[in-house]
Protein backbone atom coordinates (compact mmCIF):
# COMPACT_ATOMS: atom_id res chain seq x y z
CA MET A 1 -11.01 -11.47 -20.34
CA SER A 2 -9.55 -13.97 -23.18
CA THR A 3 -6.04 -13.81 -25.56
CA GLN A 4 -5.53 -12.36 -28.10
CA SER A 5 -5.55 -14.27 -31.67
CA PRO A 6 -1.79 -14.39 -33.15
CA PHE A 7 -4.62 -13.86 -36.44
CA GLY A 8 -5.43 -10.78 -35.26
CA GLY A 9 -5.10 -7.19 -37.27
CA ARG A 10 -2.06 -6.53 -35.39
CA LEU A 11 -0.06 -8.70 -36.76
CA GLY A 12 1.94 -6.69 -39.50
CA ARG A 13 2.76 -4.21 -36.85
CA ALA A 14 6.66 -3.88 -35.40
CA TYR A 15 7.23 -4.59 -32.09
CA PRO A 16 7.92 -3.96 -29.85
CA THR A 17 7.08 -0.25 -30.20
CA LEU A 18 4.40 1.55 -27.92
CA PRO A 19 0.76 2.19 -28.88
CA LYS A 20 0.21 5.65 -30.36
CA GLY A 21 -2.94 7.38 -29.26
CA GLU A 22 -5.13 9.10 -25.90
CA THR A 23 -5.05 8.19 -22.59
CA ILE A 24 -9.27 6.73 -22.46
CA ALA A 25 -8.32 6.22 -18.65
CA SER A 26 -6.52 5.59 -16.21
CA TYR A 27 -6.02 2.90 -13.08
CA GLU A 28 -4.26 2.18 -10.26
CA THR A 29 -3.61 -2.06 -10.79
CA TYR A 30 -4.09 -3.91 -13.43
CA GLN A 31 -7.07 -5.76 -12.87
CA GLU A 32 -9.33 -2.19 -12.90
CA ALA A 33 -7.97 -1.88 -16.27
CA GLN A 34 -8.87 -5.34 -17.35
CA ALA A 35 -12.02 -4.90 -16.09
CA ALA A 36 -13.03 -1.20 -17.76
CA VAL A 37 -11.63 -3.61 -21.16
CA ASP A 38 -14.35 -6.13 -20.70
CA LYS A 39 -16.99 -3.48 -20.10
CA LEU A 40 -15.45 -2.32 -23.40
CA ALA A 41 -15.72 -5.44 -25.13
CA LYS A 42 -19.59 -6.18 -24.07
CA ALA A 43 -20.82 -2.91 -24.98
CA GLU A 44 -19.41 -3.82 -29.02
CA PHE A 45 -16.16 -1.17 -28.69
CA PRO A 46 -13.47 -2.28 -30.63
CA VAL A 47 -11.44 -3.16 -28.73
CA LYS A 48 -8.19 -4.35 -31.02
CA GLU A 49 -7.49 -0.53 -31.43
CA LEU A 50 -6.43 -0.05 -27.03
CA SER A 51 -3.77 -1.58 -24.86
CA ILE A 52 -2.89 -1.61 -21.55
CA VAL A 53 0.18 0.42 -20.81
CA GLY A 54 1.65 0.64 -17.57
CA HIS A 55 3.48 2.87 -15.91
CA ASP A 56 6.62 3.36 -13.87
CA LEU A 57 7.50 -0.65 -13.65
CA THR A 58 9.21 -1.66 -9.94
CA THR A 59 9.91 -5.13 -9.55
CA VAL A 60 8.89 -7.43 -6.34
CA GLU A 61 10.26 -9.59 -4.93
CA ARG A 62 7.66 -11.47 -2.26
CA ILE A 63 8.35 -13.69 0.20
CA THR A 64 6.75 -16.26 0.69
CA GLY A 65 8.45 -18.22 3.51
CA LYS A 66 12.10 -19.87 5.22
CA LEU A 67 13.23 -23.03 3.06
CA THR A 68 14.25 -25.99 4.92
CA TRP A 69 15.49 -29.35 3.95
CA GLY A 70 11.77 -31.03 4.58
CA ARG A 71 10.90 -28.17 2.26
CA ALA A 72 13.02 -28.37 -0.13
CA ALA A 73 12.37 -33.03 0.18
CA GLY A 74 8.63 -32.03 -0.42
CA ALA A 75 9.05 -29.05 -3.43
CA GLY A 76 11.56 -31.43 -5.47
CA ALA A 77 9.44 -34.36 -5.03
CA LEU A 78 6.70 -33.01 -5.39
CA SER A 79 7.60 -31.96 -8.76
CA GLY A 80 8.84 -35.70 -9.84
CA ALA A 81 6.33 -36.54 -9.48
CA TRP A 82 4.30 -34.95 -11.42
CA PHE A 83 7.15 -35.74 -14.25
CA GLY A 84 7.00 -38.92 -13.59
CA THR A 85 2.73 -39.18 -13.67
CA PHE A 86 2.68 -37.53 -17.22
CA LEU A 87 5.84 -40.06 -18.01
CA GLY A 88 3.29 -43.13 -16.97
CA LEU A 89 0.35 -41.49 -18.72
CA LEU A 90 2.13 -41.52 -22.25
CA LEU A 91 2.93 -45.03 -21.42
CA PHE A 92 -0.31 -46.71 -20.40
CA ILE A 93 -1.54 -44.81 -23.19
CA PHE A 94 0.35 -45.56 -25.93
CA SER A 95 0.80 -49.28 -24.95
CA PRO A 96 -2.19 -49.98 -22.65
CA THR A 97 -1.16 -53.71 -21.52
CA GLY A 98 -2.49 -55.73 -17.89
CA THR A 99 0.43 -54.12 -16.14
CA SER A 100 0.37 -50.34 -17.69
CA LEU A 101 -0.99 -49.57 -13.92
CA GLY A 102 1.73 -51.00 -11.94
CA VAL A 103 4.18 -48.48 -14.63
CA LEU A 104 2.23 -45.71 -13.74
CA GLY A 105 3.03 -46.42 -9.86
CA ALA A 106 6.51 -46.70 -11.20
CA ALA A 107 6.65 -44.14 -12.57
CA ILE A 108 5.55 -41.59 -10.66
CA LEU A 109 7.63 -42.31 -7.50
CA ILE A 110 11.06 -42.69 -9.18
CA GLY A 111 10.66 -39.51 -9.73
CA ALA A 112 9.08 -38.24 -7.24
CA GLY A 113 12.49 -39.73 -5.65
CA PHE A 114 14.25 -38.74 -8.81
CA GLY A 115 12.71 -34.63 -8.89
CA MET A 116 13.77 -35.03 -4.14
CA ILE A 117 17.07 -35.89 -4.78
CA PHE A 118 17.80 -33.22 -7.51
CA SER A 119 15.88 -30.93 -5.19
CA VAL A 120 17.88 -31.88 -1.47
CA VAL A 121 21.57 -31.58 -4.05
CA SER A 122 20.49 -27.91 -5.21
CA TYR A 123 19.48 -26.75 -1.73
CA SER A 124 22.91 -28.37 -0.36
CA LEU A 125 25.45 -25.54 -2.45
CA ASN A 126 22.91 -22.83 -2.74
CA ARG A 127 22.01 -23.28 1.50
CA ARG A 128 24.40 -20.10 3.03
CA ARG A 129 23.42 -18.13 0.16
CA ARG A 130 19.89 -18.39 -0.04
CA ASP A 131 17.42 -20.09 2.89
CA PHE A 132 14.05 -18.74 1.89
CA THR A 133 11.13 -19.29 -1.43
CA SER A 134 9.80 -16.52 -3.47
CA VAL A 135 8.11 -15.35 -5.76
CA MET A 136 9.22 -12.20 -8.44
CA GLN A 137 6.79 -9.97 -9.92
CA VAL A 138 6.88 -6.70 -12.40
CA LEU A 139 4.09 -4.32 -10.88
CA ALA A 140 3.71 -1.20 -12.46
CA THR A 141 2.27 1.98 -10.73
CA ARG A 142 -0.33 3.26 -12.20
CA TYR A 143 -2.27 1.17 -16.14
CA ALA A 144 -3.34 3.19 -18.72
CA ILE A 145 -5.67 2.36 -21.53
CA ILE A 146 -4.62 4.10 -24.65
CA GLY A 147 -7.11 3.97 -28.16
CA ASP A 148 -7.68 5.75 -31.43
CA PRO A 149 -8.20 9.22 -30.75
CA GLY A 150 -11.85 8.96 -32.47
CA HIS A 151 -13.10 6.54 -29.91
CA VAL A 152 -11.58 8.73 -26.70
CA ALA A 153 -15.43 10.32 -26.32
CA ARG A 154 -17.92 7.16 -27.11
CA ALA A 155 -14.84 4.35 -24.92
CA ARG A 156 -15.15 7.45 -21.97
CA THR A 157 -19.18 6.98 -21.95
CA VAL A 158 -19.31 3.41 -21.47
CA LEU A 159 -16.23 3.67 -19.13
CA GLY A 160 -18.66 6.56 -17.01
CA VAL A 161 -15.20 9.21 -17.06
CA THR A 162 -15.03 12.24 -17.32
CA ASP A 163 -10.71 11.98 -18.11
CA ALA A 164 -8.14 10.51 -18.08
CA THR A 165 -6.98 10.30 -14.52
CA ALA A 166 -2.95 10.79 -14.61
CA PRO A 167 -0.35 11.46 -11.33
CA ALA A 168 -0.33 14.66 -10.48
CA PRO A 169 3.32 16.52 -11.34
CA PRO A 170 5.67 16.23 -8.00
CA ALA A 171 5.53 19.73 -6.95
CA ALA A 172 8.55 22.33 -7.09
CA PRO A 173 10.79 22.84 -4.41
CA VAL A 174 9.96 26.07 -2.01
CA PRO A 175 13.80 27.73 -1.40
CA PRO A 176 13.98 28.31 1.80
CA ALA A 177 13.51 31.74 3.30
CA GLN A 178 17.74 33.74 3.61
CA PRO A 179 17.66 35.71 6.28
CA PRO A 180 18.36 39.65 6.60
CA ALA A 181 21.47 40.01 5.35
CA ALA A 182 23.82 42.20 8.69
CA PRO A 183 24.28 45.84 8.79
CA PRO A 184 27.88 45.78 8.33
CA PRO A 185 29.96 46.52 10.78
CA ALA A 186 31.36 50.06 12.35
CA PRO A 187 34.50 51.66 11.35
CA ALA A 188 36.79 50.60 14.58
CA ALA A 189 37.95 54.14 15.38
CA ASP A 190 41.78 54.79 14.66
CA PRO A 191 44.15 54.82 17.99
CA THR A 192 46.43 56.51 16.14
CA ALA A 193 44.40 59.68 14.99
CA PRO A 194 44.11 63.36 16.11
CA ALA A 195 41.15 63.33 18.59
CA GLY A 196 39.95 66.70 17.48
CA PRO A 197 38.90 69.53 19.48
CA PRO A 198 36.00 69.67 21.92
CA THR A 199 32.39 70.53 21.11
CA GLY A 200 29.66 72.62 22.79
CA ASP A 201 27.13 69.58 22.78
CA GLU A 202 30.09 67.51 24.78
CA PRO A 203 31.45 67.70 28.70
CA ALA A 204 34.30 69.29 30.05
CA ALA A 205 37.00 66.35 31.64
CA PRO A 206 36.16 68.00 35.76
CA VAL A 207 39.86 69.17 36.74
CA ASP A 208 41.12 67.27 39.51
CA GLU A 209 42.14 70.02 42.01
CA ALA A 210 43.96 67.67 45.10
CA ARG A 211 46.94 67.64 41.87
CA PRO A 212 49.56 69.60 43.60
CA LEU A 213 50.59 72.29 40.69
CA THR A 214 54.21 72.15 39.08
CA TYR A 215 56.43 74.48 38.82
CA GLY A 216 54.74 76.61 35.28
CA GLU A 217 52.08 76.72 37.19
CA ALA A 218 53.65 76.92 40.44
CA GLN A 219 55.46 80.56 38.54
CA ASP A 220 52.17 81.40 37.10
CA ALA A 221 49.52 81.82 40.04
CA ARG A 222 52.48 84.16 41.56
CA ARG A 223 52.13 85.97 39.26
CA ARG A 224 48.75 86.73 38.98
CA ALA A 225 48.30 87.33 42.01
CA ALA A 226 50.86 89.89 41.84
CA ARG A 227 49.00 91.39 39.07
CA GLU A 228 45.99 91.62 41.27
CA GLU A 229 47.43 93.65 44.07
CA ARG A 230 49.57 96.13 41.84
CA ASP A 231 45.68 96.83 40.30
CA THR A 232 43.70 96.59 43.46
CA GLY A 233 47.14 99.06 44.86
CA GLY A 234 46.89 101.60 41.91
CA ALA A 235 42.97 101.28 41.81
């Protein structure tokens, strides 16, 4: 996919602004979205009306290895050698003499030396805080192709999709089932309340015959016996 020209039709638009339109298709990776735009471009689709929008941006730092003295020195020497090569080529182009090749080699060696020294010094200062190498990336969980609503049907026909695939909304949380309410406890009996008269359904309290009679009960029993004897004698 070619880079958009700075003299294209979007030059007069205000940046940064989110593109307006309808989602044509949605993909999980940027490579898939880029391939879809390339397919539309080959089908003579007006791709200048399209935009690739990444949703849910996430910063990812990928660890590439452990940083050591040798690795720091090698990386610094390599970067310094490239810089020395650039300077040596400039001298070789603008002042081509018999000693230009020697100057080019000297520039490469000097650049490698300075790069190695600078890298080793930087590693010694940051050794306790960062002992690894990494690559920082910004990724999105979904890439949507946005286009003008008037061209959405044609674009979907070319891509072979029926509708834009969007992530399903998260399901609503189900509240936990509430246990049934416990019945109210029965009121405790009041020990000070007077006991009511016994009903017919309640069994009569057994009489303890082995219990000795009191003086009053003995007098009542004697009177009842005497009354029964008089009644029997009179009959």
